[in-house]
Amino acid sequence: MLQVYTGEGKGKTTAALGLVLRAVGAGKRVAIIQFDKGGERYSERKALERFPEVKVFVTGLDRREGKGFRMGITDEDKQEGERGLMILEDVLKQNFDLIVLDEINTSTSLGIVDEQRVLGILKNRPESVEIVLTGRNAPQSYVDLADLVSEVKMIKHYFYKGTLAREGLDY
């Protein structure tokens, strides 16, 4: 099956990681490709190191700039996105049961990865693999192709009261 977790609310990656935990508990092999999540600040990577059946591949540049983030897309960002798709093509040949493409939706909407290239890969995936796409702004083509789509809706967020992202809870 192909699953899409999208929407403006917090929790898309968290939901995918919950599915990863469930898959590991069932003895399944898992790969996670993180798009546009360069840098060392993501706490889930430290936890996932404890699970040898989960392989994590990181792509993207570190977007941190002081307490904020670098906006805009560079050629290097696009090169990293292409590297992520090449990793995906390789991972699809390795008999994983679950593959999470973390932030692929956002990376597509920002132009870091090419939507048609992603669709081509997804349409030709082995039937035996479950794939989860996370991130805001899922393209309609991904939604149309998916077997399951969940939208995470923001109703209220502490960021708008001035609370910055917190280690271990937000990243």
N, C-alpha and C. Protein backbone atom coordinates (compact mmCIF):
# COMPACT_ATOMS: atom_id res chain seq x y z
N MET A 1 0.84 -1.18 0.00
CA MET A 1 0.00 0.00 0.00
C MET A 1 0.89 1.25 0.00
N LEU A 2 0.30 2.33 -0.42
CA LEU A 2 0.94 3.63 -0.39
C LEU A 2 0.13 4.53 0.53
N GLN A 3 0.80 5.08 1.54
CA GLN A 3 0.15 5.94 2.52
C GLN A 3 0.72 7.35 2.41
N VAL A 4 -0.13 8.34 2.59
CA VAL A 4 0.28 9.74 2.60
C VAL A 4 -0.19 10.38 3.90
N TYR A 5 0.76 11.00 4.62
CA TYR A 5 0.43 11.78 5.82
C TYR A 5 0.78 13.23 5.49
N THR A 6 -0.22 14.08 5.43
CA THR A 6 -0.01 15.47 5.02
C THR A 6 -0.84 16.39 5.89
N GLY A 7 -0.76 17.67 5.63
CA GLY A 7 -1.55 18.65 6.36
C GLY A 7 -0.66 19.66 7.07
N GLU A 8 -1.30 20.68 7.62
CA GLU A 8 -0.59 21.79 8.27
C GLU A 8 -0.27 21.51 9.74
N GLY A 9 -0.82 20.45 10.30
CA GLY A 9 -0.62 20.18 11.72
C GLY A 9 0.67 19.44 12.02
N LYS A 10 1.06 19.48 13.28
CA LYS A 10 2.25 18.79 13.77
C LYS A 10 1.92 17.31 13.95
N GLY A 11 2.83 16.42 13.54
CA GLY A 11 2.63 15.01 13.84
C GLY A 11 2.73 14.06 12.66
N LYS A 12 3.06 14.52 11.50
CA LYS A 12 3.13 13.64 10.32
C LYS A 12 4.31 12.68 10.43
N THR A 13 5.48 13.21 10.71
CA THR A 13 6.65 12.35 10.90
C THR A 13 6.46 11.47 12.13
N THR A 14 5.90 12.04 13.17
CA THR A 14 5.65 11.28 14.40
C THR A 14 4.73 10.09 14.13
N ALA A 15 3.70 10.28 13.32
CA ALA A 15 2.80 9.18 12.97
C ALA A 15 3.55 8.11 12.18
N ALA A 16 4.38 8.53 11.24
CA ALA A 16 5.15 7.57 10.45
C ALA A 16 6.10 6.78 11.35
N LEU A 17 6.70 7.46 12.31
CA LEU A 17 7.62 6.76 13.23
C LEU A 17 6.86 5.78 14.12
N GLY A 18 5.62 6.08 14.44
CA GLY A 18 4.79 5.12 15.17
C GLY A 18 4.56 3.87 14.34
N LEU A 19 4.34 4.03 13.05
CA LEU A 19 4.19 2.89 12.15
C LEU A 19 5.48 2.10 12.06
N VAL A 20 6.62 2.81 12.04
CA VAL A 20 7.93 2.15 12.04
C VAL A 20 8.06 1.28 13.29
N LEU A 21 7.71 1.81 14.43
CA LEU A 21 7.79 1.06 15.68
C LEU A 21 6.92 -0.19 15.63
N ARG A 22 5.73 -0.06 15.11
CA ARG A 22 4.82 -1.20 14.97
C ARG A 22 5.41 -2.25 14.03
N ALA A 23 6.00 -1.81 12.92
CA ALA A 23 6.59 -2.73 11.94
C ALA A 23 7.77 -3.48 12.56
N VAL A 24 8.61 -2.77 13.30
CA VAL A 24 9.75 -3.40 13.96
C VAL A 24 9.26 -4.45 14.95
N GLY A 25 8.20 -4.13 15.68
CA GLY A 25 7.63 -5.08 16.63
C GLY A 25 7.13 -6.34 15.97
N ALA A 26 6.78 -6.25 14.69
CA ALA A 26 6.29 -7.41 13.94
C ALA A 26 7.43 -8.09 13.17
N GLY A 27 8.67 -7.66 13.41
CA GLY A 27 9.81 -8.30 12.75
C GLY A 27 10.07 -7.86 11.33
N LYS A 28 9.55 -6.70 10.95
CA LYS A 28 9.72 -6.23 9.57
C LYS A 28 10.98 -5.38 9.44
N ARG A 29 11.51 -5.34 8.20
CA ARG A 29 12.67 -4.51 7.87
C ARG A 29 12.17 -3.16 7.37
N VAL A 30 12.80 -2.10 7.87
CA VAL A 30 12.32 -0.75 7.59
C VAL A 30 13.46 0.13 7.08
N ALA A 31 13.16 0.96 6.09
CA ALA A 31 14.08 2.00 5.64
C ALA A 31 13.37 3.34 5.75
N ILE A 32 14.10 4.34 6.20
CA ILE A 32 13.58 5.70 6.27
C ILE A 32 14.54 6.58 5.48
N ILE A 33 13.99 7.31 4.52
CA ILE A 33 14.79 8.28 3.79
C ILE A 33 14.25 9.65 4.17
N GLN A 34 15.08 10.44 4.81
CA GLN A 34 14.67 11.77 5.23
C GLN A 34 15.12 12.78 4.19
N PHE A 35 14.17 13.45 3.60
CA PHE A 35 14.44 14.47 2.59
C PHE A 35 14.50 15.84 3.26
N ASP A 36 15.49 16.63 2.87
CA ASP A 36 15.64 18.01 3.35
C ASP A 36 15.73 18.07 4.86
N LYS A 37 16.40 17.09 5.47
CA LYS A 37 16.57 17.08 6.92
C LYS A 37 18.04 16.87 7.28
N GLY A 38 18.91 17.67 6.63
CA GLY A 38 20.33 17.59 6.95
C GLY A 38 20.60 18.15 8.33
N GLY A 39 21.80 17.94 8.79
CA GLY A 39 22.17 18.39 10.13
C GLY A 39 22.02 17.26 11.13
N GLU A 40 22.40 17.54 12.34
CA GLU A 40 22.47 16.51 13.39
C GLU A 40 21.40 16.67 14.46
N ARG A 41 20.44 17.53 14.29
CA ARG A 41 19.57 17.88 15.40
C ARG A 41 18.33 17.01 15.57
N TYR A 42 18.11 16.02 14.75
CA TYR A 42 16.86 15.26 14.79
C TYR A 42 16.98 14.08 15.76
N SER A 43 16.30 14.18 16.87
CA SER A 43 16.42 13.20 17.95
C SER A 43 15.98 11.81 17.56
N GLU A 44 15.05 11.68 16.62
CA GLU A 44 14.58 10.35 16.24
C GLU A 44 15.72 9.49 15.68
N ARG A 45 16.71 10.11 15.08
CA ARG A 45 17.84 9.34 14.54
C ARG A 45 18.61 8.65 15.64
N LYS A 46 18.79 9.34 16.76
CA LYS A 46 19.51 8.73 17.90
C LYS A 46 18.74 7.50 18.41
N ALA A 47 17.44 7.61 18.50
CA ALA A 47 16.62 6.48 18.97
C ALA A 47 16.64 5.34 17.97
N LEU A 48 16.57 5.66 16.70
CA LEU A 48 16.51 4.61 15.67
C LEU A 48 17.81 3.83 15.53
N GLU A 49 18.92 4.41 16.00
CA GLU A 49 20.19 3.69 15.99
C GLU A 49 20.11 2.41 16.82
N ARG A 50 19.17 2.33 17.74
CA ARG A 50 19.01 1.17 18.61
C ARG A 50 18.32 -0.01 17.92
N PHE A 51 17.81 0.23 16.71
CA PHE A 51 17.08 -0.79 15.98
C PHE A 51 17.83 -1.16 14.71
N PRO A 52 18.57 -2.25 14.72
CA PRO A 52 19.36 -2.61 13.53
C PRO A 52 18.51 -2.95 12.31
N GLU A 53 17.24 -3.26 12.51
CA GLU A 53 16.37 -3.57 11.37
C GLU A 53 15.83 -2.32 10.69
N VAL A 54 16.19 -1.14 11.21
CA VAL A 54 15.78 0.13 10.62
C VAL A 54 17.01 0.84 10.07
N LYS A 55 17.00 1.11 8.78
CA LYS A 55 18.09 1.83 8.13
C LYS A 55 17.60 3.24 7.83
N VAL A 56 18.37 4.23 8.27
CA VAL A 56 18.00 5.63 8.07
C VAL A 56 18.99 6.27 7.11
N PHE A 57 18.46 6.93 6.09
CA PHE A 57 19.26 7.63 5.09
C PHE A 57 18.87 9.10 5.15
N VAL A 58 19.85 9.95 5.32
CA VAL A 58 19.60 11.38 5.49
C VAL A 58 20.04 12.14 4.25
N THR A 59 19.16 12.98 3.74
CA THR A 59 19.52 13.87 2.63
C THR A 59 19.14 15.29 3.00
N GLY A 60 19.74 16.21 2.33
CA GLY A 60 19.43 17.62 2.56
C GLY A 60 20.54 18.32 3.29
N LEU A 61 20.50 19.62 3.19
CA LEU A 61 21.46 20.48 3.87
C LEU A 61 20.88 20.88 5.22
N ASP A 62 21.74 21.28 6.12
CA ASP A 62 21.29 21.81 7.40
C ASP A 62 20.68 23.18 7.15
N ARG A 63 19.43 23.36 7.48
CA ARG A 63 18.75 24.64 7.23
C ARG A 63 18.80 25.59 8.42
N ARG A 64 19.45 25.17 9.50
CA ARG A 64 19.51 26.06 10.67
C ARG A 64 20.37 27.27 10.38
N GLU A 65 19.89 28.41 10.81
CA GLU A 65 20.65 29.66 10.77
C GLU A 65 20.38 30.38 12.08
N GLY A 66 21.29 30.22 13.02
CA GLY A 66 21.05 30.79 14.35
C GLY A 66 19.86 30.10 14.98
N LYS A 67 18.86 30.88 15.38
CA LYS A 67 17.63 30.32 15.96
C LYS A 67 16.55 30.13 14.90
N GLY A 68 16.85 30.51 13.65
CA GLY A 68 15.86 30.39 12.58
C GLY A 68 16.29 29.37 11.55
N PHE A 69 15.66 29.44 10.39
CA PHE A 69 15.91 28.51 9.30
C PHE A 69 16.21 29.28 8.02
N ARG A 70 17.05 28.69 7.19
CA ARG A 70 17.32 29.24 5.87
C ARG A 70 16.12 28.93 4.98
N MET A 71 15.63 29.94 4.34
CA MET A 71 14.51 29.76 3.42
C MET A 71 15.07 29.72 2.00
N GLY A 72 14.26 29.33 1.05
CA GLY A 72 14.69 29.28 -0.34
C GLY A 72 15.35 27.96 -0.69
N ILE A 73 15.39 27.69 -1.98
CA ILE A 73 15.93 26.43 -2.48
C ILE A 73 17.13 26.73 -3.37
N THR A 74 18.22 26.02 -3.13
CA THR A 74 19.43 26.18 -3.91
C THR A 74 19.64 24.98 -4.81
N ASP A 75 20.60 25.09 -5.72
CA ASP A 75 20.97 23.94 -6.56
C ASP A 75 21.46 22.79 -5.70
N GLU A 76 22.15 23.11 -4.60
CA GLU A 76 22.62 22.05 -3.69
C GLU A 76 21.46 21.31 -3.05
N ASP A 77 20.39 22.04 -2.71
CA ASP A 77 19.19 21.40 -2.16
C ASP A 77 18.63 20.40 -3.18
N LYS A 78 18.57 20.81 -4.44
CA LYS A 78 18.05 19.94 -5.49
C LYS A 78 18.96 18.73 -5.72
N GLN A 79 20.25 18.93 -5.62
CA GLN A 79 21.18 17.80 -5.74
C GLN A 79 20.97 16.79 -4.61
N GLU A 80 20.73 17.30 -3.42
CA GLU A 80 20.45 16.42 -2.28
C GLU A 80 19.12 15.69 -2.48
N GLY A 81 18.13 16.37 -3.04
CA GLY A 81 16.85 15.72 -3.33
C GLY A 81 17.03 14.59 -4.33
N GLU A 82 17.81 14.83 -5.36
CA GLU A 82 18.09 13.79 -6.36
C GLU A 82 18.84 12.63 -5.73
N ARG A 83 19.77 12.94 -4.83
CA ARG A 83 20.49 11.88 -4.12
C ARG A 83 19.51 11.02 -3.32
N GLY A 84 18.51 11.65 -2.71
CA GLY A 84 17.49 10.91 -1.97
C GLY A 84 16.70 9.97 -2.87
N LEU A 85 16.38 10.42 -4.07
CA LEU A 85 15.64 9.56 -5.01
C LEU A 85 16.51 8.41 -5.50
N MET A 86 17.79 8.64 -5.65
CA MET A 86 18.69 7.55 -6.03
C MET A 86 18.80 6.53 -4.90
N ILE A 87 18.81 7.00 -3.67
CA ILE A 87 18.80 6.09 -2.51
C ILE A 87 17.51 5.27 -2.53
N LEU A 88 16.38 5.93 -2.79
CA LEU A 88 15.10 5.23 -2.86
C LEU A 88 15.13 4.13 -3.90
N GLU A 89 15.64 4.43 -5.08
CA GLU A 89 15.70 3.40 -6.14
C GLU A 89 16.53 2.21 -5.69
N ASP A 90 17.62 2.47 -4.98
CA ASP A 90 18.46 1.39 -4.47
C ASP A 90 17.76 0.61 -3.35
N VAL A 91 17.12 1.33 -2.43
CA VAL A 91 16.43 0.71 -1.30
C VAL A 91 15.29 -0.20 -1.78
N LEU A 92 14.63 0.20 -2.85
CA LEU A 92 13.53 -0.61 -3.38
C LEU A 92 13.99 -1.98 -3.88
N LYS A 93 15.26 -2.15 -4.11
CA LYS A 93 15.81 -3.43 -4.55
C LYS A 93 16.25 -4.31 -3.38
N GLN A 94 16.10 -3.83 -2.16
CA GLN A 94 16.68 -4.51 -0.99
C GLN A 94 15.66 -5.22 -0.10
N ASN A 95 14.47 -5.45 -0.57
CA ASN A 95 13.47 -6.24 0.17
C ASN A 95 13.11 -5.68 1.54
N PHE A 96 12.95 -4.37 1.63
CA PHE A 96 12.42 -3.79 2.86
C PHE A 96 10.91 -3.98 2.84
N ASP A 97 10.33 -4.10 4.03
CA ASP A 97 8.88 -4.25 4.15
C ASP A 97 8.17 -2.90 4.19
N LEU A 98 8.83 -1.91 4.78
CA LEU A 98 8.27 -0.57 4.94
C LEU A 98 9.35 0.45 4.59
N ILE A 99 8.97 1.43 3.78
CA ILE A 99 9.87 2.53 3.46
C ILE A 99 9.13 3.82 3.74
N VAL A 100 9.73 4.66 4.59
CA VAL A 100 9.16 5.97 4.90
C VAL A 100 9.96 7.02 4.14
N LEU A 101 9.27 7.83 3.36
CA LEU A 101 9.89 8.95 2.65
C LEU A 101 9.49 10.22 3.39
N ASP A 102 10.28 10.53 4.41
CA ASP A 102 9.97 11.62 5.32
C ASP A 102 10.22 12.97 4.63
N GLU A 103 9.23 13.82 4.64
CA GLU A 103 9.26 15.15 4.04
C GLU A 103 9.34 15.15 2.51
N ILE A 104 8.98 14.04 1.88
CA ILE A 104 8.97 14.00 0.41
C ILE A 104 7.88 14.92 -0.14
N ASN A 105 6.75 15.03 0.55
CA ASN A 105 5.68 15.91 0.07
C ASN A 105 6.15 17.36 0.03
N THR A 106 6.71 17.81 1.12
CA THR A 106 7.21 19.18 1.20
C THR A 106 8.33 19.40 0.19
N SER A 107 9.23 18.43 0.09
CA SER A 107 10.34 18.55 -0.86
C SER A 107 9.84 18.65 -2.29
N THR A 108 8.75 17.98 -2.59
CA THR A 108 8.16 18.07 -3.92
C THR A 108 7.54 19.45 -4.13
N SER A 109 6.76 19.91 -3.17
CA SER A 109 6.08 21.20 -3.33
C SER A 109 7.07 22.36 -3.42
N LEU A 110 8.24 22.21 -2.81
CA LEU A 110 9.27 23.25 -2.87
C LEU A 110 10.15 23.15 -4.11
N GLY A 111 10.02 22.06 -4.87
CA GLY A 111 10.84 21.89 -6.06
C GLY A 111 12.20 21.26 -5.81
N ILE A 112 12.38 20.67 -4.64
CA ILE A 112 13.64 20.00 -4.33
C ILE A 112 13.73 18.68 -5.10
N VAL A 113 12.60 17.99 -5.22
CA VAL A 113 12.53 16.78 -6.03
C VAL A 113 11.46 16.96 -7.11
N ASP A 114 11.63 16.23 -8.18
CA ASP A 114 10.71 16.33 -9.32
C ASP A 114 9.51 15.40 -9.12
N GLU A 115 8.32 15.96 -9.14
CA GLU A 115 7.09 15.21 -8.91
C GLU A 115 6.94 14.04 -9.87
N GLN A 116 7.19 14.25 -11.14
CA GLN A 116 7.02 13.17 -12.13
C GLN A 116 8.03 12.05 -11.90
N ARG A 117 9.23 12.41 -11.51
CA ARG A 117 10.25 11.38 -11.21
C ARG A 117 9.82 10.54 -10.02
N VAL A 118 9.31 11.20 -8.98
CA VAL A 118 8.83 10.47 -7.79
C VAL A 118 7.68 9.55 -8.19
N LEU A 119 6.72 10.06 -8.96
CA LEU A 119 5.58 9.24 -9.40
C LEU A 119 6.04 8.02 -10.17
N GLY A 120 7.00 8.20 -11.06
CA GLY A 120 7.52 7.07 -11.83
C GLY A 120 8.09 5.99 -10.94
N ILE A 121 8.83 6.41 -9.92
CA ILE A 121 9.41 5.44 -8.97
C ILE A 121 8.30 4.74 -8.20
N LEU A 122 7.33 5.51 -7.70
CA LEU A 122 6.25 4.94 -6.90
C LEU A 122 5.38 3.97 -7.70
N LYS A 123 5.11 4.32 -8.93
CA LYS A 123 4.26 3.47 -9.77
C LYS A 123 4.94 2.15 -10.13
N ASN A 124 6.25 2.11 -10.09
CA ASN A 124 7.00 0.91 -10.44
C ASN A 124 7.58 0.19 -9.23
N ARG A 125 7.09 0.52 -8.04
CA ARG A 125 7.61 -0.11 -6.82
C ARG A 125 7.15 -1.56 -6.73
N PRO A 126 7.91 -2.38 -6.03
CA PRO A 126 7.46 -3.76 -5.80
C PRO A 126 6.15 -3.76 -5.01
N GLU A 127 5.27 -4.68 -5.32
CA GLU A 127 3.99 -4.76 -4.62
C GLU A 127 4.14 -5.15 -3.16
N SER A 128 5.26 -5.74 -2.81
CA SER A 128 5.46 -6.25 -1.46
C SER A 128 5.86 -5.18 -0.44
N VAL A 129 6.13 -3.97 -0.89
CA VAL A 129 6.62 -2.93 0.02
C VAL A 129 5.53 -1.91 0.34
N GLU A 130 5.45 -1.54 1.61
CA GLU A 130 4.55 -0.47 2.06
C GLU A 130 5.37 0.81 2.05
N ILE A 131 4.82 1.88 1.48
CA ILE A 131 5.54 3.14 1.43
C ILE A 131 4.68 4.23 2.05
N VAL A 132 5.33 5.06 2.89
CA VAL A 132 4.66 6.18 3.54
C VAL A 132 5.34 7.46 3.10
N LEU A 133 4.54 8.42 2.65
CA LEU A 133 5.03 9.74 2.25
C LEU A 133 4.57 10.75 3.30
N THR A 134 5.50 11.52 3.86
CA THR A 134 5.11 12.52 4.85
C THR A 134 5.43 13.92 4.36
N GLY A 135 4.81 14.89 5.01
CA GLY A 135 5.10 16.29 4.76
C GLY A 135 3.88 17.08 4.33
N ARG A 136 3.97 18.37 4.53
CA ARG A 136 2.90 19.28 4.12
C ARG A 136 2.77 19.30 2.60
N ASN A 137 1.65 19.79 2.15
CA ASN A 137 1.43 20.09 0.73
C ASN A 137 1.65 18.89 -0.18
N ALA A 138 1.10 17.76 0.18
CA ALA A 138 1.21 16.60 -0.71
C ALA A 138 0.60 16.94 -2.06
N PRO A 139 1.33 16.71 -3.15
CA PRO A 139 0.75 16.96 -4.47
C PRO A 139 -0.49 16.09 -4.69
N GLN A 140 -1.44 16.60 -5.43
CA GLN A 140 -2.66 15.86 -5.71
C GLN A 140 -2.35 14.52 -6.36
N SER A 141 -1.30 14.46 -7.18
CA SER A 141 -0.95 13.20 -7.83
C SER A 141 -0.57 12.13 -6.82
N TYR A 142 0.08 12.51 -5.71
CA TYR A 142 0.42 11.53 -4.67
C TYR A 142 -0.86 11.08 -3.95
N VAL A 143 -1.73 12.03 -3.67
CA VAL A 143 -3.00 11.71 -3.02
C VAL A 143 -3.82 10.75 -3.89
N ASP A 144 -3.86 11.03 -5.19
CA ASP A 144 -4.63 10.17 -6.11
C ASP A 144 -4.06 8.76 -6.17
N LEU A 145 -2.75 8.63 -6.12
CA LEU A 145 -2.09 7.32 -6.20
C LEU A 145 -2.20 6.52 -4.90
N ALA A 146 -2.35 7.21 -3.80
CA ALA A 146 -2.31 6.58 -2.47
C ALA A 146 -3.50 5.68 -2.19
N ASP A 147 -3.26 4.71 -1.32
CA ASP A 147 -4.31 3.84 -0.81
C ASP A 147 -4.91 4.39 0.47
N LEU A 148 -4.13 5.20 1.19
CA LEU A 148 -4.56 5.80 2.45
C LEU A 148 -3.99 7.21 2.50
N VAL A 149 -4.83 8.17 2.85
CA VAL A 149 -4.38 9.55 3.02
C VAL A 149 -4.91 10.05 4.35
N SER A 150 -4.00 10.54 5.19
CA SER A 150 -4.38 11.15 6.47
C SER A 150 -3.92 12.59 6.46
N GLU A 151 -4.85 13.48 6.83
CA GLU A 151 -4.51 14.89 6.91
C GLU A 151 -4.44 15.29 8.37
N VAL A 152 -3.32 15.86 8.75
CA VAL A 152 -3.12 16.34 10.11
C VAL A 152 -3.47 17.82 10.12
N LYS A 153 -4.52 18.16 10.82
CA LYS A 153 -5.02 19.53 10.82
C LYS A 153 -4.54 20.27 12.07
N MET A 154 -4.01 21.47 11.87
CA MET A 154 -3.61 22.28 13.00
C MET A 154 -4.82 23.06 13.51
N ILE A 155 -5.07 22.94 14.78
CA ILE A 155 -6.12 23.73 15.41
C ILE A 155 -5.50 24.82 16.27
N LYS A 156 -4.38 24.46 16.91
CA LYS A 156 -3.67 25.40 17.77
C LYS A 156 -2.22 24.94 17.83
N HIS A 157 -1.28 25.86 17.89
CA HIS A 157 0.14 25.49 17.97
C HIS A 157 0.87 26.49 18.84
N TYR A 158 1.68 26.01 19.75
CA TYR A 158 2.42 26.86 20.68
C TYR A 158 3.46 27.74 20.00
N PHE A 159 3.85 27.40 18.78
CA PHE A 159 4.79 28.23 18.03
C PHE A 159 4.27 29.66 17.89
N TYR A 160 2.96 29.79 17.71
CA TYR A 160 2.35 31.10 17.51
C TYR A 160 2.25 31.92 18.80
N LYS A 161 2.62 31.30 19.92
CA LYS A 161 2.72 32.03 21.18
C LYS A 161 4.19 32.28 21.51
N GLY A 162 5.09 31.97 20.56
CA GLY A 162 6.51 32.27 20.75
C GLY A 162 7.38 31.12 21.21
N THR A 163 6.82 29.93 21.36
CA THR A 163 7.61 28.78 21.78
C THR A 163 8.36 28.20 20.59
N LEU A 164 9.67 28.15 20.69
CA LEU A 164 10.49 27.59 19.62
C LEU A 164 10.48 26.06 19.69
N ALA A 165 10.92 25.43 18.61
CA ALA A 165 10.98 23.96 18.56
C ALA A 165 11.84 23.44 19.71
N ARG A 166 11.37 22.36 20.33
CA ARG A 166 12.01 21.80 21.52
C ARG A 166 12.61 20.44 21.23
N GLU A 167 13.88 20.27 21.60
CA GLU A 167 14.57 19.01 21.35
C GLU A 167 13.85 17.86 22.05
N GLY A 168 13.71 16.77 21.33
CA GLY A 168 13.09 15.58 21.88
C GLY A 168 11.57 15.59 21.79
N LEU A 169 10.99 16.72 21.50
CA LEU A 169 9.54 16.83 21.37
C LEU A 169 9.13 17.31 19.98
N ASP A 170 9.92 18.19 19.40
CA ASP A 170 9.61 18.73 18.08
C ASP A 170 10.63 18.32 17.04
N TYR A 171 11.78 17.91 17.46
CA TYR A 171 12.82 17.45 16.54
C TYR A 171 13.74 16.48 17.24
